[in-house]
N, C-alpha and C. Protein backbone atom coordinates (compact mmCIF):
# COMPACT_ATOMS: atom_id res chain seq x y z
N MET A 1 -6.66 -15.96 -21.09
CA MET A 1 -5.93 -15.07 -20.77
C MET A 1 -6.49 -13.43 -21.08
N LYS A 2 -7.30 -13.48 -21.97
CA LYS A 2 -8.05 -12.28 -21.86
C LYS A 2 -9.04 -12.05 -20.92
N ARG A 3 -9.37 -13.02 -20.27
CA ARG A 3 -10.31 -12.52 -19.02
C ARG A 3 -9.48 -12.43 -17.95
N LEU A 4 -8.23 -12.86 -17.58
CA LEU A 4 -7.23 -12.07 -16.61
C LEU A 4 -6.94 -10.64 -16.67
N VAL A 5 -6.75 -10.47 -17.99
CA VAL A 5 -6.51 -8.97 -18.29
C VAL A 5 -7.90 -8.24 -17.93
N TRP A 6 -9.09 -8.68 -18.38
CA TRP A 6 -10.45 -8.18 -18.07
C TRP A 6 -10.60 -8.00 -16.55
N MET A 7 -10.46 -9.15 -16.00
CA MET A 7 -10.24 -8.80 -14.51
C MET A 7 -9.54 -7.82 -13.74
N SER A 8 -8.08 -7.95 -14.20
CA SER A 8 -7.43 -7.16 -13.49
C SER A 8 -7.70 -5.58 -13.92
N ALA A 9 -8.11 -5.20 -14.93
CA ALA A 9 -8.66 -3.88 -15.53
C ALA A 9 -9.67 -3.34 -14.41
N VAL A 10 -10.80 -4.53 -14.33
CA VAL A 10 -11.71 -4.17 -13.51
C VAL A 10 -11.23 -3.95 -12.01
N ALA A 11 -10.60 -4.43 -11.33
CA ALA A 11 -10.18 -4.58 -10.25
C ALA A 11 -9.19 -3.35 -9.91
N ALA A 12 -8.39 -3.11 -10.87
CA ALA A 12 -7.49 -1.56 -10.81
C ALA A 12 -8.61 -0.38 -10.78
N MET A 13 -9.68 -0.30 -11.74
CA MET A 13 -10.56 0.77 -11.77
C MET A 13 -11.28 0.78 -10.42
N THR A 14 -11.69 -0.40 -9.80
CA THR A 14 -12.35 -0.35 -8.50
C THR A 14 -11.47 0.16 -7.24
N LEU A 15 -10.23 -0.32 -7.36
CA LEU A 15 -9.12 0.07 -6.30
C LEU A 15 -9.22 1.55 -6.39
N LEU A 16 -8.81 2.22 -7.78
CA LEU A 16 -8.89 3.50 -7.79
C LEU A 16 -10.09 4.49 -7.54
N GLY A 17 -11.02 4.02 -7.75
CA GLY A 17 -12.28 4.69 -7.47
C GLY A 17 -12.46 4.75 -6.01
N ALA A 18 -12.05 3.50 -5.24
CA ALA A 18 -12.27 4.01 -3.84
C ALA A 18 -11.31 4.67 -3.26
N CYS A 19 -10.41 5.48 -3.93
CA CYS A 19 -9.39 6.07 -3.01
C CYS A 19 -9.77 7.70 -3.21
N THR A 20 -10.80 7.91 -3.88
CA THR A 20 -11.46 9.30 -3.90
C THR A 20 -11.62 10.30 -2.56
N ASN A 21 -12.30 9.75 -1.76
CA ASN A 21 -12.76 10.44 -0.77
C ASN A 21 -12.26 9.96 0.76
N MET A 22 -10.83 9.80 0.75
CA MET A 22 -10.32 9.52 1.83
C MET A 22 -9.71 10.59 2.53
N THR A 23 -9.46 10.61 3.72
CA THR A 23 -8.67 11.45 4.66
C THR A 23 -7.47 11.26 4.25
N PRO A 24 -6.53 12.36 4.94
CA PRO A 24 -5.11 12.35 4.67
C PRO A 24 -4.46 11.14 5.67
N GLN A 25 -5.17 10.81 6.58
CA GLN A 25 -4.58 9.59 7.32
C GLN A 25 -5.00 8.41 6.60
N GLN A 26 -5.78 8.15 6.03
CA GLN A 26 -6.32 7.13 5.10
C GLN A 26 -5.31 6.88 3.95
N GLN A 27 -5.19 7.91 3.31
CA GLN A 27 -4.31 7.74 2.47
C GLN A 27 -2.91 7.68 2.62
N GLY A 28 -2.39 8.25 4.06
CA GLY A 28 -1.26 7.82 4.28
C GLY A 28 -0.90 6.35 4.42
N THR A 29 -1.99 5.81 5.22
CA THR A 29 -2.00 4.48 5.63
C THR A 29 -1.78 3.50 4.29
N MET A 30 -2.64 3.80 3.30
CA MET A 30 -2.79 2.93 1.97
C MET A 30 -1.40 3.27 1.12
N SER A 31 -1.04 4.28 1.21
CA SER A 31 0.41 4.80 0.37
C SER A 31 1.34 3.73 1.09
N GLY A 32 1.61 4.25 2.60
CA GLY A 32 2.57 3.52 3.32
C GLY A 32 2.63 2.03 3.14
N ALA A 33 1.14 1.35 3.23
CA ALA A 33 1.58 -0.25 3.21
C ALA A 33 1.77 -0.41 2.11
N GLY A 34 1.53 0.14 0.60
CA GLY A 34 1.96 -0.56 -0.78
C GLY A 34 3.33 -0.28 -0.70
N MET A 35 3.80 1.06 -0.45
CA MET A 35 5.16 1.18 -0.65
C MET A 35 6.05 0.01 0.10
N GLY A 36 5.55 -0.08 1.58
CA GLY A 36 6.27 -1.00 2.26
C GLY A 36 6.20 -2.26 1.77
N ALA A 37 5.16 -2.65 1.45
CA ALA A 37 5.11 -4.16 0.84
C ALA A 37 6.12 -4.31 -0.45
N LEU A 38 6.13 -3.15 -1.23
CA LEU A 38 7.01 -3.55 -2.32
C LEU A 38 8.52 -3.32 -1.91
N GLY A 39 8.90 -2.63 -0.85
CA GLY A 39 9.95 -2.49 -0.42
C GLY A 39 10.42 -3.66 0.49
N GLY A 40 9.49 -4.30 1.12
CA GLY A 40 9.76 -5.44 1.91
C GLY A 40 9.95 -6.63 1.04
N ALA A 41 9.02 -6.75 0.19
CA ALA A 41 9.12 -8.17 -0.84
C ALA A 41 10.71 -7.92 -1.49
N GLY A 42 11.17 -6.59 -2.03
CA GLY A 42 12.34 -6.66 -2.46
C GLY A 42 13.57 -6.76 -1.73
N ILE A 43 13.32 -6.26 -0.58
CA ILE A 43 14.85 -6.68 0.16
C ILE A 43 14.50 -8.12 0.69
N ALA A 44 13.56 -8.62 0.94
CA ALA A 44 13.33 -10.12 1.27
C ALA A 44 14.06 -11.00 -0.10
N ALA A 45 14.08 -10.44 -0.98
CA ALA A 45 14.13 -11.36 -2.31
C ALA A 45 15.77 -11.09 -2.51
N ILE A 46 16.13 -9.65 -2.43
CA ILE A 46 17.71 -9.82 -2.37
C ILE A 46 18.16 -10.48 -1.32
N ALA A 47 17.99 -10.57 -0.02
CA ALA A 47 18.61 -10.94 1.03
C ALA A 47 18.46 -12.76 1.25
N GLY A 48 17.45 -13.21 0.04
CA GLY A 48 17.36 -14.95 0.03
C GLY A 48 16.25 -15.16 0.91
N GLY A 49 15.27 -14.40 1.41
CA GLY A 49 14.22 -14.65 2.19
C GLY A 49 12.92 -15.01 1.41
N ASP A 50 11.90 -15.13 2.17
CA ASP A 50 10.74 -15.55 1.46
C ASP A 50 10.03 -13.81 0.94
N ALA A 51 9.78 -13.87 -0.07
CA ALA A 51 9.16 -12.50 -0.62
C ALA A 51 7.76 -12.06 0.08
N TRP A 52 7.08 -13.04 0.09
CA TRP A 52 5.81 -12.71 0.66
C TRP A 52 5.54 -12.40 2.34
N THR A 53 6.67 -13.00 2.93
CA THR A 53 6.71 -12.56 4.25
C THR A 53 7.39 -11.39 4.34
N GLY A 54 8.39 -10.72 3.50
CA GLY A 54 9.03 -9.73 3.44
C GLY A 54 7.96 -8.44 3.07
N ALA A 55 6.98 -8.86 2.24
CA ALA A 55 6.05 -8.12 1.77
C ALA A 55 4.96 -7.66 2.78
N ALA A 56 4.66 -8.74 3.44
CA ALA A 56 3.55 -8.75 4.75
C ALA A 56 4.02 -7.89 5.82
N ILE A 57 5.45 -8.05 6.22
CA ILE A 57 6.11 -7.38 7.33
C ILE A 57 6.08 -5.65 6.74
N GLY A 58 6.61 -5.38 5.83
CA GLY A 58 7.04 -4.40 4.80
C GLY A 58 5.51 -3.50 5.06
N ALA A 59 4.48 -4.48 4.63
CA ALA A 59 3.20 -3.38 4.57
C ALA A 59 2.80 -3.20 5.97
N LEU A 60 2.82 -3.81 7.04
CA LEU A 60 2.48 -3.56 8.24
C LEU A 60 3.35 -2.42 8.67
N ALA A 61 4.83 -2.52 8.88
CA ALA A 61 5.22 -1.45 9.25
C ALA A 61 4.99 0.01 8.25
N GLY A 62 4.79 -0.24 6.86
CA GLY A 62 4.43 1.04 6.05
C GLY A 62 3.49 1.58 6.20
N GLY A 63 2.31 0.69 6.65
CA GLY A 63 0.94 1.09 6.91
C GLY A 63 0.91 1.69 8.27
N VAL A 64 1.51 1.40 9.45
CA VAL A 64 1.79 2.12 10.63
C VAL A 64 2.25 3.42 10.35
N ALA A 65 3.73 3.61 9.80
CA ALA A 65 4.32 4.63 9.45
C ALA A 65 3.16 5.66 8.69
N GLY A 66 2.68 5.04 7.64
CA GLY A 66 1.85 6.25 6.90
C GLY A 66 0.65 6.67 7.77
N ASN A 67 -0.04 5.78 8.57
CA ASN A 67 -0.99 6.37 9.31
C ASN A 67 -0.64 7.36 10.38
N ILE A 68 0.67 7.40 10.74
CA ILE A 68 1.05 8.44 11.75
C ILE A 68 1.42 9.50 11.06
N LYS A 69 2.01 9.58 9.83
CA LYS A 69 2.36 10.72 9.01
C LYS A 69 1.09 11.36 8.55
N GLY A 70 0.10 10.49 7.94
CA GLY A 70 -1.07 11.25 7.28
C GLY A 70 -1.82 11.83 8.95
N GLY A 71 -1.85 11.34 9.68
CA GLY A 71 -2.66 11.68 10.97
C GLY A 71 -2.10 13.09 11.14
N ARG A 72 -0.91 13.21 11.30
CA ARG A 72 -0.26 14.42 11.60
C ARG A 72 -0.65 15.64 10.73
N GLN A 73 -0.36 15.24 9.45
CA GLN A 73 -1.21 16.01 8.20
C GLN A 73 -2.43 16.50 8.39
N GLN A 74 -3.29 15.51 8.77
CA GLN A 74 -4.67 15.68 9.11
C GLN A 74 -4.87 16.84 10.17
N GLN A 75 -4.19 16.77 11.18
CA GLN A 75 -4.26 17.80 12.50
C GLN A 75 -3.71 18.99 12.02
N SER A 76 -2.75 19.31 11.18
CA SER A 76 -2.24 20.37 10.78
C SER A 76 -3.08 21.10 9.99
N GLY A 77 -4.01 20.40 9.16
CA GLY A 77 -4.75 20.90 8.03
C GLY A 77 -4.05 21.01 6.73
N TRP A 78 -3.01 20.17 6.58
CA TRP A 78 -2.56 20.34 5.34
C TRP A 78 -3.06 19.70 3.92
């Protein structure tokens, strides 16, 4: 159990450190994919479907939407 907590902490630190030098488009893609995965898994679980499939579809849709939004922010210099 201790090993799992340690590995999770290291993975979280690595992922957070990797997000420091992203463009707005990249940040939008990652944020959209994360939120889409959570939303898709939740909706699939409530509807009685497979949560993993819902998460995959939600991550794909959220990533595309976040990429578009981030690209627009990057073009406008926001």
